[in-house]
């Protein structure tokens, strides 16, 4: 919470990060080879005041390219949307210190959550 009594804009980045990590680093599927954030885009729709119960974050895949993919999010409570955001992620080889291509296994996993008809692949975090 900031001096104005609402959740600070930087805190929303933390919320998105937590949702993204929960999504990408599941026990059954993950990006063990590494990835980095290339871009964030956030639209603040309504202020979120301090409270003691959590908000929901829906996350889905909007684009898969050869060496990047885009996740979209909504931070919400029921029908109230506080933030809409997207993040471009680049798979990264930390040993070589350079971007890498998405593996076939990673692509198959991401396709399960692709936004192809009304966010049918959305997951709640």
Protein backbone atom coordinates (compact mmCIF):
# COMPACT_ATOMS: atom_id res chain seq x y z
CA UNK A 1 0.00 0.00 0.00
CA UNK A 2 1.32 3.46 -0.78
CA UNK A 3 0.70 6.91 0.73
CA UNK A 4 -2.61 7.17 -1.14
CA UNK A 5 -4.01 4.03 0.51
CA UNK A 6 -4.00 1.79 -2.55
CA UNK A 7 -1.78 -0.95 -3.91
CA UNK A 8 1.21 0.67 -5.57
CA UNK A 9 1.79 0.08 -9.29
CA UNK A 10 5.07 -1.72 -8.62
CA UNK A 11 3.27 -4.24 -6.41
CA UNK A 12 1.17 -5.28 -9.39
CA UNK A 13 4.40 -6.34 -11.15
CA UNK A 14 5.09 -8.61 -8.17
CA UNK A 15 1.60 -10.10 -8.45
CA UNK A 16 2.19 -10.80 -12.14
CA UNK A 17 5.58 -12.32 -11.38
CA UNK A 18 4.11 -14.67 -8.78
CA UNK A 19 1.39 -15.81 -11.20
CA UNK A 20 3.94 -16.28 -14.00
CA UNK A 21 6.29 -18.34 -11.80
CA UNK A 22 3.40 -20.51 -10.59
CA UNK A 23 2.43 -21.09 -14.23
CA UNK A 24 5.86 -21.71 -15.77
CA UNK A 25 7.51 -23.68 -12.99
CA UNK A 26 4.92 -26.32 -12.20
CA UNK A 27 6.15 -29.68 -10.95
CA UNK A 28 4.93 -31.47 -14.10
CA UNK A 29 5.94 -28.86 -16.72
CA UNK A 30 8.49 -26.13 -16.54
CA UNK A 31 11.02 -23.95 -18.24
CA UNK A 32 14.07 -25.46 -16.54
CA UNK A 33 16.35 -24.20 -19.30
CA UNK A 34 15.54 -20.64 -18.28
CA UNK A 35 13.66 -17.59 -19.48
CA UNK A 36 13.77 -13.82 -19.09
CA UNK A 37 11.20 -11.04 -19.27
CA UNK A 38 11.62 -8.90 -22.37
CA UNK A 39 8.64 -6.58 -21.94
CA UNK A 40 5.76 -5.74 -19.61
CA UNK A 41 2.67 -3.79 -20.59
CA UNK A 42 0.17 -2.85 -17.89
CA UNK A 43 -3.15 -1.03 -18.05
CA UNK A 44 -4.39 0.08 -14.65
CA UNK A 45 -8.20 0.01 -14.79
CA UNK A 46 -9.18 0.69 -11.19
CA UNK A 47 -7.33 1.30 -7.96
CA UNK A 48 -7.08 -1.56 -5.51
CA UNK A 49 -7.26 -0.48 -1.89
CA UNK A 50 -5.62 -2.40 0.92
CA UNK A 51 -7.64 -5.38 2.10
CA UNK A 52 -7.12 -8.70 3.83
CA UNK A 53 -8.37 -11.07 1.13
CA UNK A 54 -6.53 -11.88 -2.10
CA UNK A 55 -7.37 -10.91 -5.65
CA UNK A 56 -7.58 -13.42 -8.50
CA UNK A 57 -5.15 -13.41 -11.38
CA UNK A 58 -6.14 -15.07 -14.64
CA UNK A 59 -3.29 -15.86 -16.99
CA UNK A 60 -3.27 -17.17 -20.56
CA UNK A 61 -1.01 -17.37 -23.61
CA UNK A 62 -1.73 -14.97 -26.47
CA UNK A 63 1.21 -15.62 -28.80
CA UNK A 64 3.90 -18.24 -29.33
CA UNK A 65 6.82 -17.44 -31.63
CA UNK A 66 10.04 -19.32 -32.36
CA UNK A 67 11.99 -17.67 -29.54
CA UNK A 68 9.41 -15.82 -27.44
CA UNK A 69 5.87 -16.04 -26.14
CA UNK A 70 3.38 -13.62 -24.64
CA UNK A 71 1.31 -14.09 -21.50
CA UNK A 72 -1.75 -11.97 -20.74
CA UNK A 73 -3.24 -11.38 -17.31
CA UNK A 74 -6.23 -9.90 -15.55
CA UNK A 75 -5.98 -8.99 -11.87
CA UNK A 76 -9.55 -9.04 -10.68
CA UNK A 77 -12.13 -9.73 -8.04
CA UNK A 78 -15.30 -11.19 -9.55
CA UNK A 79 -16.30 -8.87 -12.39
CA UNK A 80 -14.09 -6.00 -11.18
CA UNK A 81 -10.86 -5.79 -13.20
CA UNK A 82 -8.05 -3.83 -11.57
CA UNK A 83 -5.30 -4.50 -14.10
CA UNK A 84 -4.92 -5.94 -17.59
CA UNK A 85 -1.36 -6.76 -18.52
CA UNK A 86 0.91 -8.72 -20.83
CA UNK A 87 4.47 -9.96 -20.63
CA UNK A 88 6.77 -11.04 -23.45
CA UNK A 89 9.02 -13.87 -22.29
CA UNK A 90 12.18 -15.00 -24.06
CA UNK A 91 13.58 -18.46 -23.38
CA UNK A 92 17.20 -17.96 -22.39
CA UNK A 93 20.32 -20.11 -22.25
CA UNK A 94 22.16 -18.87 -19.19
CA UNK A 95 25.29 -20.89 -19.94
CA UNK A 96 25.61 -19.34 -23.40
CA UNK A 97 24.17 -16.00 -22.23
CA UNK A 98 21.84 -15.71 -25.20
CA UNK A 99 18.22 -16.27 -26.18
CA UNK A 100 17.20 -19.73 -27.30
CA UNK A 101 14.31 -21.26 -29.22
CA UNK A 102 11.23 -22.66 -27.50
CA UNK A 103 11.50 -26.45 -27.22
CA UNK A 104 8.79 -28.74 -28.61
CA UNK A 105 7.79 -29.70 -25.06
CA UNK A 106 7.51 -26.05 -24.00
CA UNK A 107 5.47 -25.21 -27.12
CA UNK A 108 3.04 -28.08 -26.44
CA UNK A 109 2.62 -26.90 -22.84
CA UNK A 110 2.00 -23.27 -23.88
CA UNK A 111 -0.51 -24.28 -26.56
CA UNK A 112 -2.72 -25.80 -23.85
CA UNK A 113 -3.27 -22.26 -22.53
CA UNK A 114 -3.48 -20.43 -25.86
CA UNK A 115 -6.11 -17.71 -26.22
CA UNK A 116 -7.86 -18.98 -29.32
CA UNK A 117 -11.51 -18.55 -28.31
CA UNK A 118 -12.37 -16.43 -25.32
CA UNK A 119 -9.42 -17.33 -23.10
CA UNK A 120 -10.52 -20.95 -22.83
CA UNK A 121 -7.01 -21.81 -21.67
CA UNK A 122 -6.94 -19.25 -18.84
CA UNK A 123 -5.67 -20.43 -15.50
CA UNK A 124 -6.30 -18.76 -12.17
CA UNK A 125 -3.30 -18.10 -9.98
